[in-house]
């Protein structure tokens, strides 16, 4: 789970960097000539759309991972409780508190 968490953190960092680059392009676009300005504005629009798509995909991925983790946890919980019972019985039989 830690690996997946760090992966999502890496993706979030990249998305933040993309946002910063978009802002940088906006500033440069304001200073550019009319023809170049249109091209930059189109690139900015495309980047914003891609960033939005990436954020949506990241959210879907996070939700899926959380759902899967919850299902697996619920499936294993009875087995963990059963194992705990066996461990407690074994320690009691050995005279351990």
N, C-alpha and C. Protein backbone atom coordinates (compact mmCIF):
# COMPACT_ATOMS: atom_id res chain seq x y z
N UNK A 1 0.83 -1.19 0.00
CA UNK A 1 0.00 0.00 0.00
C UNK A 1 0.88 1.25 0.00
N UNK A 2 2.01 1.19 0.69
CA UNK A 2 2.91 2.35 0.75
C UNK A 2 3.43 2.70 -0.64
N UNK A 3 3.74 1.67 -1.45
CA UNK A 3 4.20 1.91 -2.82
C UNK A 3 3.16 2.64 -3.63
N UNK A 4 1.91 2.20 -3.51
CA UNK A 4 0.84 2.85 -4.26
C UNK A 4 0.64 4.28 -3.79
N UNK A 5 0.77 4.49 -2.47
CA UNK A 5 0.61 5.84 -1.93
C UNK A 5 1.70 6.75 -2.47
N UNK A 6 2.94 6.25 -2.52
CA UNK A 6 4.02 7.08 -3.02
C UNK A 6 3.85 7.32 -4.51
N UNK A 7 3.31 6.36 -5.24
CA UNK A 7 3.06 6.55 -6.67
C UNK A 7 2.02 7.63 -6.90
N UNK A 8 0.95 7.62 -6.12
CA UNK A 8 -0.06 8.66 -6.28
C UNK A 8 0.50 10.01 -5.87
N UNK A 9 1.37 10.03 -4.87
CA UNK A 9 2.00 11.28 -4.47
C UNK A 9 2.88 11.81 -5.60
N UNK A 10 3.59 10.90 -6.27
CA UNK A 10 4.42 11.30 -7.41
C UNK A 10 3.56 11.88 -8.52
N UNK A 11 2.44 11.24 -8.80
CA UNK A 11 1.54 11.73 -9.85
C UNK A 11 0.98 13.09 -9.47
N UNK A 12 0.59 13.25 -8.22
CA UNK A 12 0.07 14.54 -7.77
C UNK A 12 1.14 15.63 -7.90
N UNK A 13 2.38 15.29 -7.63
CA UNK A 13 3.48 16.25 -7.76
C UNK A 13 3.64 16.66 -9.22
N UNK A 14 3.57 15.68 -10.12
CA UNK A 14 3.68 15.98 -11.55
C UNK A 14 2.53 16.88 -12.00
N UNK A 15 1.32 16.58 -11.52
CA UNK A 15 0.18 17.42 -11.87
C UNK A 15 0.37 18.85 -11.37
N UNK A 16 0.92 18.98 -10.19
CA UNK A 16 1.19 20.32 -9.65
C UNK A 16 2.21 21.04 -10.52
N UNK A 17 3.24 20.32 -10.94
CA UNK A 17 4.26 20.91 -11.81
C UNK A 17 3.65 21.34 -13.15
N UNK A 18 2.74 20.52 -13.67
CA UNK A 18 2.05 20.88 -14.92
C UNK A 18 1.28 22.17 -14.73
N UNK A 19 0.59 22.29 -13.62
CA UNK A 19 -0.15 23.51 -13.32
C UNK A 19 0.75 24.72 -13.27
N UNK A 20 1.92 24.56 -12.66
CA UNK A 20 2.87 25.67 -12.59
C UNK A 20 3.38 26.04 -13.98
N UNK A 21 3.64 25.04 -14.83
CA UNK A 21 4.09 25.32 -16.19
C UNK A 21 3.00 26.04 -17.00
N UNK A 22 1.76 25.65 -16.77
CA UNK A 22 0.65 26.32 -17.45
C UNK A 22 0.62 27.79 -17.07
N UNK A 23 0.76 28.06 -15.78
CA UNK A 23 0.77 29.46 -15.32
C UNK A 23 1.94 30.23 -15.93
N UNK A 24 3.08 29.57 -16.04
CA UNK A 24 4.26 30.21 -16.65
C UNK A 24 3.98 30.55 -18.12
N UNK A 25 3.33 29.61 -18.82
CA UNK A 25 2.99 29.87 -20.22
C UNK A 25 1.97 31.00 -20.36
N UNK A 26 1.05 31.09 -19.42
CA UNK A 26 0.07 32.17 -19.44
C UNK A 26 0.79 33.52 -19.35
N UNK A 27 1.76 33.60 -18.45
CA UNK A 27 2.52 34.84 -18.29
C UNK A 27 3.31 35.17 -19.54
N UNK A 28 3.96 34.15 -20.13
CA UNK A 28 4.72 34.37 -21.35
C UNK A 28 3.80 34.76 -22.50
N UNK A 29 2.62 34.17 -22.55
CA UNK A 29 1.65 34.46 -23.60
C UNK A 29 1.19 35.90 -23.56
N UNK A 30 1.09 36.44 -22.39
CA UNK A 30 0.65 37.83 -22.24
C UNK A 30 1.67 38.80 -22.86
N UNK A 31 2.93 38.41 -22.87
CA UNK A 31 3.99 39.26 -23.40
C UNK A 31 4.28 39.00 -24.88
N UNK A 32 3.72 37.94 -25.46
CA UNK A 32 4.06 37.54 -26.83
C UNK A 32 3.25 38.33 -27.86
N UNK A 33 3.69 38.24 -29.11
CA UNK A 33 2.97 38.88 -30.21
C UNK A 33 1.66 38.17 -30.48
N UNK A 34 0.79 38.76 -31.30
CA UNK A 34 -0.56 38.25 -31.55
C UNK A 34 -0.56 36.83 -32.12
N UNK A 35 0.26 36.56 -33.13
CA UNK A 35 0.27 35.23 -33.76
C UNK A 35 0.78 34.17 -32.78
N UNK A 36 1.86 34.48 -32.13
CA UNK A 36 2.44 33.55 -31.16
C UNK A 36 1.50 33.40 -29.97
N UNK A 37 0.85 34.48 -29.63
CA UNK A 37 -0.07 34.48 -28.49
C UNK A 37 -1.21 33.48 -28.71
N UNK A 38 -1.76 33.44 -29.91
CA UNK A 38 -2.84 32.50 -30.21
C UNK A 38 -2.35 31.06 -30.08
N UNK A 39 -1.15 30.80 -30.58
CA UNK A 39 -0.59 29.46 -30.50
C UNK A 39 -0.37 29.05 -29.04
N UNK A 40 0.16 29.97 -28.27
CA UNK A 40 0.40 29.69 -26.85
C UNK A 40 -0.92 29.46 -26.12
N UNK A 41 -1.92 30.28 -26.41
CA UNK A 41 -3.22 30.12 -25.76
C UNK A 41 -3.84 28.77 -26.09
N UNK A 42 -3.68 28.30 -27.33
CA UNK A 42 -4.19 26.97 -27.71
C UNK A 42 -3.47 25.88 -26.95
N UNK A 43 -2.14 26.01 -26.83
CA UNK A 43 -1.37 25.02 -26.08
C UNK A 43 -1.77 25.01 -24.61
N UNK A 44 -2.01 26.20 -24.07
CA UNK A 44 -2.44 26.30 -22.68
C UNK A 44 -3.78 25.60 -22.50
N UNK A 45 -4.70 25.85 -23.42
CA UNK A 45 -6.02 25.22 -23.36
C UNK A 45 -5.88 23.70 -23.40
N UNK A 46 -5.06 23.21 -24.32
CA UNK A 46 -4.84 21.76 -24.44
C UNK A 46 -4.24 21.18 -23.17
N UNK A 47 -3.25 21.88 -22.61
CA UNK A 47 -2.61 21.41 -21.38
C UNK A 47 -3.61 21.36 -20.22
N UNK A 48 -4.44 22.38 -20.13
CA UNK A 48 -5.43 22.39 -19.05
C UNK A 48 -6.40 21.23 -19.19
N UNK A 49 -6.82 20.93 -20.43
CA UNK A 49 -7.73 19.80 -20.66
C UNK A 49 -7.05 18.48 -20.30
N UNK A 50 -5.78 18.35 -20.70
CA UNK A 50 -5.04 17.13 -20.36
C UNK A 50 -4.86 17.00 -18.86
N UNK A 51 -4.57 18.10 -18.19
CA UNK A 51 -4.39 18.06 -16.74
C UNK A 51 -5.68 17.64 -16.06
N UNK A 52 -6.80 18.18 -16.54
CA UNK A 52 -8.10 17.82 -15.98
C UNK A 52 -8.36 16.32 -16.18
N UNK A 53 -8.04 15.81 -17.36
CA UNK A 53 -8.21 14.38 -17.63
C UNK A 53 -7.33 13.53 -16.72
N UNK A 54 -6.09 13.96 -16.55
CA UNK A 54 -5.18 13.22 -15.68
C UNK A 54 -5.66 13.22 -14.23
N UNK A 55 -6.17 14.36 -13.79
CA UNK A 55 -6.69 14.43 -12.42
C UNK A 55 -7.88 13.50 -12.24
N UNK A 56 -8.75 13.44 -13.25
CA UNK A 56 -9.91 12.55 -13.17
C UNK A 56 -9.46 11.09 -13.14
N UNK A 57 -8.48 10.74 -13.96
CA UNK A 57 -7.96 9.37 -13.98
C UNK A 57 -7.30 9.02 -12.65
N UNK A 58 -6.57 9.98 -12.08
CA UNK A 58 -5.94 9.75 -10.78
C UNK A 58 -7.00 9.49 -9.71
N UNK A 59 -8.05 10.28 -9.72
CA UNK A 59 -9.12 10.09 -8.74
C UNK A 59 -9.76 8.71 -8.90
N UNK A 60 -10.01 8.31 -10.16
CA UNK A 60 -10.59 6.99 -10.41
C UNK A 60 -9.67 5.90 -9.87
N UNK A 61 -8.37 6.05 -10.14
CA UNK A 61 -7.40 5.07 -9.67
C UNK A 61 -7.35 4.99 -8.16
N UNK A 62 -7.36 6.14 -7.51
CA UNK A 62 -7.35 6.17 -6.04
C UNK A 62 -8.60 5.49 -5.48
N UNK A 63 -9.75 5.82 -6.06
CA UNK A 63 -11.01 5.23 -5.59
C UNK A 63 -11.00 3.71 -5.76
N UNK A 64 -10.48 3.25 -6.89
CA UNK A 64 -10.41 1.82 -7.15
C UNK A 64 -9.49 1.12 -6.16
N UNK A 65 -8.34 1.72 -5.89
CA UNK A 65 -7.39 1.14 -4.94
C UNK A 65 -8.01 1.08 -3.54
N UNK A 66 -8.66 2.16 -3.13
CA UNK A 66 -9.29 2.18 -1.81
C UNK A 66 -10.39 1.13 -1.69
N UNK A 67 -11.19 0.99 -2.75
CA UNK A 67 -12.27 -0.01 -2.75
C UNK A 67 -11.68 -1.42 -2.66
N UNK A 68 -10.67 -1.69 -3.47
CA UNK A 68 -10.03 -3.01 -3.47
C UNK A 68 -9.41 -3.31 -2.11
N UNK A 69 -8.73 -2.33 -1.53
CA UNK A 69 -8.12 -2.52 -0.21
C UNK A 69 -9.18 -2.84 0.83
N UNK A 70 -10.28 -2.10 0.80
CA UNK A 70 -11.36 -2.32 1.77
C UNK A 70 -11.95 -3.73 1.61
N UNK A 71 -12.17 -4.15 0.36
CA UNK A 71 -12.72 -5.48 0.12
C UNK A 71 -11.77 -6.57 0.61
N UNK A 72 -10.49 -6.42 0.32
CA UNK A 72 -9.51 -7.42 0.74
C UNK A 72 -9.41 -7.46 2.27
N UNK A 73 -9.44 -6.29 2.88
CA UNK A 73 -9.37 -6.22 4.34
C UNK A 73 -10.56 -6.94 4.96
N UNK A 74 -11.75 -6.69 4.42
CA UNK A 74 -12.96 -7.33 4.93
C UNK A 74 -12.91 -8.84 4.72
N UNK A 75 -12.34 -9.28 3.61
CA UNK A 75 -12.25 -10.71 3.33
C UNK A 75 -11.28 -11.42 4.27
N UNK A 76 -10.20 -10.76 4.65
CA UNK A 76 -9.19 -11.39 5.50
C UNK A 76 -9.45 -11.21 6.99
N UNK A 77 -10.29 -10.28 7.35
CA UNK A 77 -10.51 -10.00 8.77
C UNK A 77 -10.96 -11.22 9.56
N UNK A 78 -11.92 -12.02 9.07
CA UNK A 78 -12.31 -13.21 9.84
C UNK A 78 -11.14 -14.19 10.03
N UNK A 79 -10.31 -14.32 9.02
CA UNK A 79 -9.15 -15.22 9.12
C UNK A 79 -8.15 -14.71 10.15
N UNK A 80 -7.96 -13.38 10.19
CA UNK A 80 -7.07 -12.81 11.19
C UNK A 80 -7.61 -13.05 12.60
N UNK A 81 -8.91 -12.88 12.77
CA UNK A 81 -9.51 -13.11 14.09
C UNK A 81 -9.38 -14.57 14.49
N UNK A 82 -9.57 -15.46 13.53
CA UNK A 82 -9.43 -16.89 13.81
C UNK A 82 -8.00 -17.21 14.21
N UNK A 83 -7.04 -16.67 13.49
CA UNK A 83 -5.62 -16.89 13.81
C UNK A 83 -5.29 -16.33 15.18
N UNK A 84 -5.86 -15.17 15.50
CA UNK A 84 -5.63 -14.57 16.81
C UNK A 84 -6.14 -15.51 17.90
N UNK A 85 -7.31 -16.11 17.66
CA UNK A 85 -7.87 -17.05 18.64
C UNK A 85 -6.96 -18.24 18.84
N UNK A 86 -6.42 -18.79 17.74
CA UNK A 86 -5.50 -19.92 17.84
C UNK A 86 -4.24 -19.53 18.60
N UNK A 87 -3.75 -18.35 18.35
CA UNK A 87 -2.54 -17.86 19.03
C UNK A 87 -2.81 -17.71 20.52
N UNK A 88 -3.96 -17.13 20.86
CA UNK A 88 -4.29 -16.97 22.28
C UNK A 88 -4.44 -18.32 22.96
N UNK A 89 -5.10 -19.28 22.29
CA UNK A 89 -5.24 -20.63 22.87
C UNK A 89 -3.87 -21.26 23.08
N UNK A 90 -3.01 -21.13 22.09
CA UNK A 90 -1.67 -21.72 22.18
C UNK A 90 -0.88 -21.10 23.32
N UNK A 91 -0.96 -19.78 23.46
CA UNK A 91 -0.20 -19.14 24.55
C UNK A 91 -0.79 -19.52 25.90
N UNK A 92 -2.11 -19.67 25.98
CA UNK A 92 -2.73 -20.08 27.25
C UNK A 92 -2.31 -21.51 27.60
N UNK A 93 -2.27 -22.40 26.59
CA UNK A 93 -1.86 -23.78 26.82
C UNK A 93 -0.41 -23.86 27.29
N UNK A 94 0.42 -22.90 26.86
CA UNK A 94 1.81 -22.89 27.28
C UNK A 94 2.00 -22.17 28.61
N UNK A 95 0.92 -21.58 29.11
CA UNK A 95 0.99 -20.88 30.38
C UNK A 95 1.48 -19.45 30.27
N UNK A 96 1.46 -18.90 29.07
CA UNK A 96 1.84 -17.51 28.88
C UNK A 96 0.62 -16.63 29.12
N UNK A 97 0.87 -15.49 29.72
CA UNK A 97 -0.28 -14.63 30.02
C UNK A 97 -0.96 -14.05 28.80
